[in-house]
Protein backbone atom coordinates (compact mmCIF):
# COMPACT_ATOMS: atom_id res chain seq x y z
CA MET A 1 -60.04 38.80 29.64
CA ASP A 2 -60.82 39.25 25.94
CA ARG A 3 -64.35 40.37 26.72
CA VAL A 4 -63.16 43.01 29.20
CA THR A 5 -60.56 44.28 26.72
CA ARG A 6 -63.14 44.43 23.93
CA LEU A 7 -65.71 46.25 26.08
CA ALA A 8 -63.05 48.64 27.42
CA SER A 9 -62.16 49.79 23.92
CA GLN A 10 -65.70 50.46 22.70
CA LYS A 11 -65.99 53.99 24.09
CA ALA A 12 -63.63 56.78 25.24
CA VAL A 13 -64.45 56.10 28.91
CA VAL A 14 -65.55 52.72 30.22
CA ILE A 15 -66.33 51.93 33.83
CA PHE A 16 -66.81 48.44 35.22
CA SER A 17 -68.99 48.83 38.27
CA ARG A 18 -71.28 47.12 40.74
CA SER A 19 -74.74 48.65 41.10
CA THR A 20 -74.58 48.53 44.92
CA CYS A 21 -71.03 49.92 45.30
CA CYS A 22 -70.83 53.43 46.78
CA MET A 23 -67.31 54.07 45.39
CA CYS A 24 -68.51 53.02 41.94
CA HIS A 25 -71.35 55.52 42.25
CA ALA A 26 -68.90 58.27 43.28
CA ILE A 27 -66.60 57.57 40.30
CA LYS A 28 -69.51 57.51 37.84
CA ARG A 29 -70.76 60.80 39.32
CA LEU A 30 -67.28 62.35 38.90
CA PHE A 31 -67.36 61.62 35.17
CA TYR A 32 -71.00 62.65 34.69
CA ASP A 33 -70.36 65.95 36.51
CA GLN A 34 -67.56 66.73 34.04
CA GLY A 35 -69.85 66.17 31.08
CA VAL A 36 -68.44 62.75 30.20
CA SER A 37 -70.85 60.00 29.23
CA PRO A 38 -69.02 56.76 30.06
CA ALA A 39 -70.08 53.28 29.07
CA VAL A 40 -70.93 51.58 32.36
CA HIS A 41 -70.92 47.80 32.76
CA GLU A 42 -72.55 46.66 35.99
CA ILE A 43 -70.87 43.31 36.57
CA ASP A 44 -73.43 42.24 39.18
CA GLU A 45 -76.14 42.52 36.53
CA ASP A 46 -74.23 40.67 33.81
CA PRO A 47 -74.53 36.87 33.51
CA ARG A 48 -70.76 36.73 32.88
CA GLY A 49 -69.98 39.19 35.69
CA LYS A 50 -67.84 36.79 37.75
CA GLU A 51 -65.69 36.11 34.69
CA MET A 52 -65.25 39.85 34.13
CA GLU A 53 -64.43 40.36 37.81
CA ARG A 54 -61.64 37.76 37.64
CA ALA A 55 -60.27 39.40 34.47
CA LEU A 56 -60.24 42.83 36.14
CA ILE A 57 -58.35 41.42 39.12
CA ARG A 58 -55.80 39.86 36.73
CA LEU A 59 -55.35 43.32 35.18
CA GLY A 60 -54.38 44.62 38.61
CA CYS A 61 -57.63 46.14 39.79
CA ASN A 62 -58.10 45.09 43.38
CA PRO A 63 -60.87 45.46 44.40
CA ALA A 64 -62.24 44.63 40.97
CA VAL A 65 -64.61 47.61 40.84
CA PRO A 66 -64.70 50.41 40.05
CA ALA A 67 -62.34 49.77 37.15
CA VAL A 68 -61.86 52.72 34.80
CA PHE A 69 -60.55 52.61 31.23
CA ILE A 70 -59.83 55.78 29.29
CA GLY A 71 -59.01 55.55 25.62
CA GLY A 72 -59.00 51.76 25.91
CA LYS A 73 -56.24 51.81 28.54
CA PHE A 74 -56.68 50.65 32.11
CA VAL A 75 -56.37 53.67 34.41
CA GLY A 76 -57.15 52.03 37.73
CA SER A 77 -59.76 52.07 40.42
CA ALA A 78 -61.16 54.83 42.61
CA ASN A 79 -57.80 55.79 44.18
CA ALA A 80 -56.05 56.18 40.84
CA VAL A 81 -58.91 58.17 39.30
CA MET A 82 -59.18 60.50 42.30
CA THR A 83 -55.40 61.04 42.29
CA LEU A 84 -55.57 62.00 38.60
CA GLN A 85 -58.49 64.33 39.29
CA LEU A 86 -56.73 66.08 42.17
CA SER A 87 -53.52 66.51 40.18
CA GLY A 88 -55.41 67.93 37.19
CA SER A 89 -54.28 65.12 34.89
CA LEU A 90 -57.69 63.51 34.44
CA LYS A 91 -59.11 66.31 32.29
CA LYS A 92 -56.17 66.08 29.85
CA MET A 93 -56.58 62.31 29.60
CA LEU A 94 -60.27 62.73 28.87
CA GLN A 95 -59.57 65.34 26.21
CA ASP A 96 -56.91 63.17 24.58
CA ALA A 97 -59.34 60.23 24.49
CA GLY A 98 -62.06 62.38 22.90
CA ALA A 99 -64.36 62.18 25.90
CA LEU A 100 -64.26 65.97 26.48
CA TRP A 101 -64.36 68.63 23.83
CA LEU A 102 -63.42 71.71 25.87
């Protein structure tokens, strides 16, 4: 859990992902298309990926990926991020975290 928390606070936007997950790809694309450059941790390519997956599930992310952190705070998975995007709240969160300048 400590490793996930530490990694999640290292950049304004952090995404825990799996390289073969289509929803993970869609969420990463959403951020890239808005001009955000998130830190992406592919848990299937990390030797301690299973440990990180268990920590993400303990945080309430089920399924474990994609797991999005903004400003060091756990936002949620694909459903939560898409809900924020559709409501217009995501842009404000990204600006507040320093991930967007405009």
